[in-house]
Amino acid sequence: MNVPVSPVSYVSVFHYGLQSMANAGAEPVKQLLKLIDPLATDALGGALAAALLDNVDAIGAAGFQLYLSGDLGAGKTAIVRALLRGMGVSGAVKSPTFALLEPYTVSSLDFYHFDFYRLKGAAEFDSAGFRDWFGPGRICAVEWPERAGARLAKADISVELTVAGEGRLAALHTSSELGERCLNHAVANLQMLDDGLSLPAPAHSSSR
């Protein structure tokens, strides 16, 4: 069974080795994606969703952290919204800018969408008990992770978005084997869409 999708011919995927983009003191870029419009940004979220759904068991055992950085309006919330839609969430997907946290359930996992733009620093992260929301069986998508400082563990996948004309540049990094596997899967999904193909249905796809 295939999941019907619209071809996405406007997602350009550029591959960089871990060392070729490294600068002194900077984290190497694993993948650099050129997303030429909002539909391409949504396609990235959908490709990540398919990758995560195909790794539900591993996420159930270890948890998963996705961090998104970039200026206001760069597309962080758009990626998370497309990710949630791709994982089967059909209800309202609200930005957690004021609440700081919006919870969901996808497949057998808890999904927590954080937005730390208004976080007053690491002390508020501690006092609010946000650390307790991270762990096995939980996907944590965090916008503005830098506001929490060193309180956050390393992301399995981090996405840094930069506005580039009408589109965006997305630099993606990994810091775990699970993140590496999911990122490679997501890029393969984008390449399938770029070729006008449909993505196979994930092994786990229910949500509530």
C-alpha atoms as a PDB file:
ATOM      1  CA  MET A   1       0.000   0.000   0.000  1.00  0.00           C
ATOM      2  CA  ASN A   2       1.329   3.442  -0.920  1.00  0.00           C
ATOM      3  CA  VAL A   3       0.558   6.809   0.602  1.00  0.00           C
ATOM      4  CA  PRO A   4      -0.506   9.179  -2.216  1.00  0.00           C
ATOM      5  CA  VAL A   5       1.502  12.367  -2.383  1.00  0.00           C
ATOM      6  CA  SER A   6       1.992  15.193  -4.834  1.00  0.00           C
ATOM      7  CA  PRO A   7       5.342  15.235  -6.642  1.00  0.00           C
ATOM      8  CA  VAL A   8       7.769  17.732  -5.124  1.00  0.00           C
ATOM      9  CA  SER A   9      10.188  18.739  -7.855  1.00  0.00           C
ATOM     10  CA  TYR A  10      11.342  21.864  -6.048  1.00  0.00           C
ATOM     11  CA  VAL A  11      13.250  20.224  -3.195  1.00  0.00           C
ATOM     12  CA  SER A  12      16.963  20.287  -3.958  1.00  0.00           C
ATOM     13  CA  VAL A  13      19.084  17.997  -1.822  1.00  0.00           C
ATOM     14  CA  PHE A  14      22.780  18.725  -1.438  1.00  0.00           C
ATOM     15  CA  HIS A  15      25.061  16.201   0.255  1.00  0.00           C
ATOM     16  CA  TYR A  16      28.033  17.336   2.303  1.00  0.00           C
ATOM     17  CA  GLY A  17      30.481  15.145   4.151  1.00  0.00           C
ATOM     18  CA  LEU A  18      30.878  15.650   7.863  1.00  0.00           C
ATOM     19  CA  GLN A  19      34.224  17.366   7.377  1.00  0.00           C
ATOM     20  CA  SER A  20      33.660  19.427   4.244  1.00  0.00           C
ATOM     21  CA  MET A  21      31.406  22.001   5.926  1.00  0.00           C
ATOM     22  CA  ALA A  22      33.241  22.067   9.250  1.00  0.00           C
ATOM     23  CA  ASN A  23      34.580  25.364  10.502  1.00  0.00           C
ATOM     24  CA  ALA A  24      36.563  26.059  13.635  1.00  0.00           C
ATOM     25  CA  GLY A  25      34.210  25.813  16.588  1.00  0.00           C
ATOM     26  CA  ALA A  26      31.183  25.031  14.408  1.00  0.00           C
ATOM     27  CA  GLU A  27      29.178  21.827  14.204  1.00  0.00           C
ATOM     28  CA  PRO A  28      29.621  20.137  10.801  1.00  0.00           C
ATOM     29  CA  VAL A  29      26.627  20.155   8.456  1.00  0.00           C
ATOM     30  CA  LYS A  30      25.329  16.695   7.656  1.00  0.00           C
ATOM     31  CA  GLN A  31      22.753  17.728   5.047  1.00  0.00           C
ATOM     32  CA  LEU A  32      21.966  21.080   3.483  1.00  0.00           C
ATOM     33  CA  LEU A  33      18.538  21.335   1.863  1.00  0.00           C
ATOM     34  CA  LYS A  34      17.318  24.160  -0.339  1.00  0.00           C
ATOM     35  CA  LEU A  35      13.550  24.548   0.152  1.00  0.00           C
ATOM     36  CA  ILE A  36      12.299  26.928  -2.487  1.00  0.00           C
ATOM     37  CA  ASP A  37       8.807  27.650  -1.105  1.00  0.00           C
ATOM     38  CA  PRO A  38       6.398  26.776   1.765  1.00  0.00           C
ATOM     39  CA  LEU A  39       5.302  23.535   0.064  1.00  0.00           C
ATOM     40  CA  ALA A  40       8.901  22.378   0.052  1.00  0.00           C
ATOM     41  CA  THR A  41       9.180  23.213   3.764  1.00  0.00           C
ATOM     42  CA  ASP A  42       6.060  21.124   4.381  1.00  0.00           C
ATOM     43  CA  ALA A  43       7.619  18.302   2.367  1.00  0.00           C
ATOM     44  CA  LEU A  44      10.579  18.238   4.760  1.00  0.00           C
ATOM     45  CA  GLY A  45       8.201  17.920   7.721  1.00  0.00           C
ATOM     46  CA  GLY A  46       6.331  15.103   5.982  1.00  0.00           C
ATOM     47  CA  ALA A  47       9.556  13.275   5.124  1.00  0.00           C
ATOM     48  CA  LEU A  48      10.669  13.481   8.749  1.00  0.00           C
ATOM     49  CA  ALA A  49       7.266  12.152   9.848  1.00  0.00           C
ATOM     50  CA  ALA A  50       7.600   9.066   7.662  1.00  0.00           C
ATOM     51  CA  ALA A  51      11.106   8.467   8.998  1.00  0.00           C
ATOM     52  CA  LEU A  52       9.991   8.709  12.634  1.00  0.00           C
ATOM     53  CA  LEU A  53       6.986   6.435  12.089  1.00  0.00           C
ATOM     54  CA  ASP A  54       9.305   3.794  10.679  1.00  0.00           C
ATOM     55  CA  ASN A  55      11.401   3.990  13.874  1.00  0.00           C
ATOM     56  CA  VAL A  56       8.637   3.921  16.487  1.00  0.00           C
ATOM     57  CA  ASP A  57      10.107   0.987  18.403  1.00  0.00           C
ATOM     58  CA  ALA A  58      13.532   2.615  18.690  1.00  0.00           C
ATOM     59  CA  ILE A  59      11.952   5.899  19.783  1.00  0.00           C
ATOM     60  CA  GLY A  60       9.875   3.999  22.312  1.00  0.00           C
ATOM     61  CA  ALA A  61      13.083   2.690  23.843  1.00  0.00           C
ATOM     62  CA  ALA A  62      15.240   5.821  23.666  1.00  0.00           C
ATOM     63  CA  GLY A  63      13.027   8.847  22.965  1.00  0.00           C
ATOM     64  CA  PHE A  64      13.753  11.384  20.237  1.00  0.00           C
ATOM     65  CA  GLN A  65      14.748  15.070  20.288  1.00  0.00           C
ATOM     66  CA  LEU A  66      14.257  17.344  17.265  1.00  0.00           C
ATOM     67  CA  TYR A  67      15.518  20.912  17.729  1.00  0.00           C
ATOM     68  CA  LEU A  68      14.664  23.744  15.339  1.00  0.00           C
ATOM     69  CA  SER A  69      16.538  27.052  15.228  1.00  0.00           C
ATOM     70  CA  GLY A  70      16.184  30.135  13.070  1.00  0.00           C
ATOM     71  CA  ASP A  71      14.824  33.658  13.060  1.00  0.00           C
ATOM     72  CA  LEU A  72      11.163  34.483  13.553  1.00  0.00           C
ATOM     73  CA  GLY A  73       9.235  33.408  10.469  1.00  0.00           C
ATOM     74  CA  ALA A  74      11.968  31.052   9.259  1.00  0.00           C
ATOM     75  CA  GLY A  75       9.605  28.064   9.165  1.00  0.00           C
ATOM     76  CA  LYS A  76      10.188  26.218  12.444  1.00  0.00           C
ATOM     77  CA  THR A  77       6.507  25.882  13.355  1.00  0.00           C
ATOM     78  CA  ALA A  78       5.631  25.046   9.746  1.00  0.00           C
ATOM     79  CA  ILE A  79       7.953  22.036   9.822  1.00  0.00           C
ATOM     80  CA  VAL A  80       6.524  20.788  13.124  1.00  0.00           C
ATOM     81  CA  ARG A  81       2.961  21.275  11.855  1.00  0.00           C
ATOM     82  CA  ALA A  82       3.725  19.281   8.684  1.00  0.00           C
ATOM     83  CA  LEU A  83       5.473  16.659  10.804  1.00  0.00           C
ATOM     84  CA  LEU A  84       2.420  16.235  13.017  1.00  0.00           C
ATOM     85  CA  ARG A  85       0.102  16.084  10.008  1.00  0.00           C
ATOM     86  CA  GLY A  86       2.342  13.433   8.495  1.00  0.00           C
ATOM     87  CA  MET A  87       2.138  11.415  11.707  1.00  0.00           C
ATOM     88  CA  GLY A  88      -1.649  11.439  11.567  1.00  0.00           C
ATOM     89  CA  VAL A  89      -2.688  14.387  13.740  1.00  0.00           C
ATOM     90  CA  SER A  90      -5.856  15.773  12.155  1.00  0.00           C
ATOM     91  CA  GLY A  91      -6.980  18.239  14.812  1.00  0.00           C
ATOM     92  CA  ALA A  92      -5.769  21.777  15.417  1.00  0.00           C
ATOM     93  CA  VAL A  93      -2.008  22.194  15.585  1.00  0.00           C
ATOM     94  CA  LYS A  94      -1.414  25.322  17.626  1.00  0.00           C
ATOM     95  CA  SER A  95       1.826  27.204  18.051  1.00  0.00           C
ATOM     96  CA  PRO A  96       2.995  26.860  21.680  1.00  0.00           C
ATOM     97  CA  THR A  97       4.512  30.361  21.707  1.00  0.00           C
ATOM     98  CA  PHE A  98       2.512  31.434  24.778  1.00  0.00           C
ATOM     99  CA  ALA A  99       1.823  28.066  26.441  1.00  0.00           C
ATOM    100  CA  LEU A 100       5.437  26.919  25.768  1.00  0.00           C
ATOM    101  CA  LEU A 101       4.177  23.334  25.309  1.00  0.00           C
ATOM    102  CA  GLU A 102       1.495  21.582  23.244  1.00  0.00           C
ATOM    103  CA  PRO A 103       1.111  17.795  23.756  1.00  0.00           C
ATOM    104  CA  TYR A 104      -0.076  15.210  21.214  1.00  0.00           C
ATOM    105  CA  THR A 105      -0.170  11.445  20.856  1.00  0.00           C
ATOM    106  CA  VAL A 106       1.118   9.807  17.668  1.00  0.00           C
ATOM    107  CA  SER A 107       1.079   6.057  17.181  1.00  0.00           C
ATOM    108  CA  SER A 108       2.178   4.662  20.570  1.00  0.00           C
ATOM    109  CA  LEU A 109       4.299   7.726  21.366  1.00  0.00           C
ATOM    110  CA  ASP A 110       3.826  11.011  23.178  1.00  0.00           C
ATOM    111  CA  PHE A 111       4.726  14.042  21.081  1.00  0.00           C
ATOM    112  CA  TYR A 112       5.605  17.291  22.844  1.00  0.00           C
ATOM    113  CA  HIS A 113       5.945  20.505  20.857  1.00  0.00           C
ATOM    114  CA  PHE A 114       7.913  23.135  22.783  1.00  0.00           C
ATOM    115  CA  ASP A 115       8.490  26.763  21.860  1.00  0.00           C
ATOM    116  CA  PHE A 116      11.032  28.391  24.176  1.00  0.00           C
ATOM    117  CA  TYR A 117      11.000  31.836  22.548  1.00  0.00           C
ATOM    118  CA  ARG A 118       9.466  33.320  25.713  1.00  0.00           C
ATOM    119  CA  LEU A 119      11.448  31.142  28.112  1.00  0.00           C
ATOM    120  CA  LYS A 120      13.234  33.394  30.572  1.00  0.00           C
ATOM    121  CA  GLY A 121      16.300  31.192  30.778  1.00  0.00           C
ATOM    122  CA  ALA A 122      17.595  27.903  32.101  1.00  0.00           C
ATOM    123  CA  ALA A 123      16.216  28.603  35.587  1.00  0.00           C
ATOM    124  CA  GLU A 124      12.651  28.720  34.245  1.00  0.00           C
ATOM    125  CA  PHE A 125      13.288  25.495  32.326  1.00  0.00           C
ATOM    126  CA  ASP A 126      14.205  23.860  35.636  1.00  0.00           C
ATOM    127  CA  SER A 127      11.394  25.362  37.704  1.00  0.00           C
ATOM    128  CA  ALA A 128       8.748  24.426  35.113  1.00  0.00           C
ATOM    129  CA  GLY A 129       9.869  20.791  35.222  1.00  0.00           C
ATOM    130  CA  PHE A 130      10.363  20.587  31.457  1.00  0.00           C
ATOM    131  CA  ARG A 131      13.195  18.104  31.893  1.00  0.00           C
ATOM    132  CA  ASP A 132      10.631  15.491  32.992  1.00  0.00           C
ATOM    133  CA  TRP A 133       8.905  15.618  29.581  1.00  0.00           C
ATOM    134  CA  PHE A 134      11.957  14.191  27.809  1.00  0.00           C
ATOM    135  CA  GLY A 135      12.722  10.476  27.691  1.00  0.00           C
ATOM    136  CA  PRO A 136      11.810   7.078  26.247  1.00  0.00           C
ATOM    137  CA  GLY A 137       8.559   6.902  24.314  1.00  0.00           C
ATOM    138  CA  ARG A 138       8.535  10.658  23.701  1.00  0.00           C
ATOM    139  CA  ILE A 139       9.240  12.805  20.670  1.00  0.00           C
ATOM    140  CA  CYS A 140      10.199  16.333  21.712  1.00  0.00           C
ATOM    141  CA  ALA A 141      10.228  18.964  18.984  1.00  0.00           C
ATOM    142  CA  VAL A 142      11.788  22.125  20.405  1.00  0.00           C
ATOM    143  CA  GLU A 143      11.765  25.569  18.798  1.00  0.00           C
ATOM    144  CA  TRP A 144      14.338  28.052  20.109  1.00  0.00           C
ATOM    145  CA  PRO A 145      16.286  25.334  22.015  1.00  0.00           C
ATOM    146  CA  GLU A 146      19.127  27.797  22.682  1.00  0.00           C
ATOM    147  CA  ARG A 147      16.892  29.585  25.210  1.00  0.00           C
ATOM    148  CA  ALA A 148      17.162  26.552  27.518  1.00  0.00           C
ATOM    149  CA  GLY A 149      20.943  26.627  27.413  1.00  0.00           C
ATOM    150  CA  ALA A 150      22.826  23.512  28.458  1.00  0.00           C
ATOM    151  CA  ARG A 151      19.767  22.044  30.187  1.00  0.00           C
ATOM    152  CA  LEU A 152      18.769  20.247  26.981  1.00  0.00           C
ATOM    153  CA  ALA A 153      20.476  17.052  25.907  1.00  0.00           C
ATOM    154  CA  LYS A 154      21.903  16.926  22.394  1.00  0.00           C
ATOM    155  CA  ALA A 155      19.312  16.669  19.656  1.00  0.00           C
ATOM    156  CA  ASP A 156      19.001  13.484  17.648  1.00  0.00           C
ATOM    157  CA  ILE A 157      18.354  15.823  14.709  1.00  0.00           C
ATOM    158  CA  SER A 158      18.779  19.579  14.730  1.00  0.00           C
ATOM    159  CA  VAL A 159      17.492  21.850  11.963  1.00  0.00           C
ATOM    160  CA  GLU A 160      18.836  25.361  11.411  1.00  0.00           C
ATOM    161  CA  LEU A 161      16.656  27.415   9.067  1.00  0.00           C
ATOM    162  CA  THR A 162      17.826  30.483   7.162  1.00  0.00           C
ATOM    163  CA  VAL A 163      15.621  32.675   4.991  1.00  0.00           C
ATOM    164  CA  ALA A 164      16.838  32.644   1.373  1.00  0.00           C
ATOM    165  CA  GLY A 165      14.619  34.829  -0.789  1.00  0.00           C
ATOM    166  CA  GLU A 166      11.209  33.180  -1.104  1.00  0.00           C
ATOM    167  CA  GLY A 167      12.605  29.909   0.208  1.00  0.00           C
ATOM    168  CA  ARG A 168      14.696  28.541   3.020  1.00  0.00           C
ATOM    169  CA  LEU A 169      18.017  26.829   3.556  1.00  0.00           C
ATOM    170  CA  ALA A 170      17.823  24.001   6.101  1.00  0.00           C
ATOM    171  CA  ALA A 171      21.078  22.775   7.623  1.00  0.00           C
ATOM    172  CA  LEU A 172      20.546  19.465   9.413  1.00  0.00           C
ATOM    173  CA  HIS A 173      22.848  17.819  11.948  1.00  0.00           C
ATOM    174  CA  THR A 174      22.661  14.550  13.852  1.00  0.00           C
ATOM    175  CA  SER A 175      24.199  13.485  17.152  1.00  0.00           C
ATOM    176  CA  SER A 176      22.964   9.892  17.541  1.00  0.00           C
ATOM    177  CA  GLU A 177      22.730   6.694  15.554  1.00  0.00           C
ATOM    178  CA  LEU A 178      18.935   6.969  15.662  1.00  0.00           C
ATOM    179  CA  GLY A 179      19.080  10.546  14.402  1.00  0.00           C
ATOM    180  CA  GLU A 180      21.434   9.515  11.611  1.00  0.00           C
ATOM    181  CA  ARG A 181      19.113   6.727  10.567  1.00  0.00           C
ATOM    182  CA  CYS A 182      16.044   8.973  10.599  1.00  0.00           C
ATOM    183  CA  LEU A 183      17.786  11.769   8.709  1.00  0.00           C
ATOM    184  CA  ASN A 184      19.016   9.411   5.996  1.00  0.00           C
ATOM    185  CA  HIS A 185      15.490   8.009   5.745  1.00  0.00           C
ATOM    186  CA  ALA A 186      13.974  11.492   5.495  1.00  0.00           C
ATOM    187  CA  VAL A 187      16.393  12.552   2.743  1.00  0.00           C
ATOM    188  CA  ALA A 188      15.615   9.347   0.849  1.00  0.00           C
ATOM    189  CA  ASN A 189      11.914  10.209   1.204  1.00  0.00           C
ATOM    190  CA  LEU A 190      12.541  13.674  -0.251  1.00  0.00           C
ATOM    191  CA  GLN A 191      14.426  12.167  -3.143  1.00  0.00           C
ATOM    192  CA  MET A 192      11.486   9.832  -3.833  1.00  0.00           C
ATOM    193  CA  LEU A 193       9.133  12.805  -3.878  1.00  0.00           C
ATOM    194  CA  ASP A 194      11.560  14.664  -6.130  1.00  0.00           C
ATOM    195  CA  ASP A 195      11.332  11.737  -8.543  1.00  0.00           C
ATOM    196  CA  GLY A 196       7.520  11.892  -8.492  1.00  0.00           C
ATOM    197  CA  LEU A 197       7.140   8.650  -6.510  1.00  0.00           C
ATOM    198  CA  SER A 198       4.847   7.809  -3.597  1.00  0.00           C
ATOM    199  CA  LEU A 199       6.141   7.014  -0.136  1.00  0.00           C
ATOM    200  CA  PRO A 200       5.415   3.517   1.206  1.00  0.00           C
ATOM    201  CA  ALA A 201       3.003   3.409   4.122  1.00  0.00           C
ATOM    202  CA  PRO A 202       4.933   3.404   7.451  1.00  0.00           C
ATOM    203  CA  ALA A 203       4.770   0.401   9.727  1.00  0.00           C
ATOM    204  CA  HIS A 204       3.143   2.522  12.476  1.00  0.00           C
ATOM    205  CA  SER A 205       0.658   5.215  11.487  1.00  0.00           C
ATOM    206  CA  SER A 206      -2.175   5.490  14.033  1.00  0.00           C
ATOM    207  CA  SER A 207      -2.668   8.566  16.190  1.00  0.00           C
ATOM    208  CA  ARG A 208      -5.205  10.042  18.531  1.00  0.00           C
END
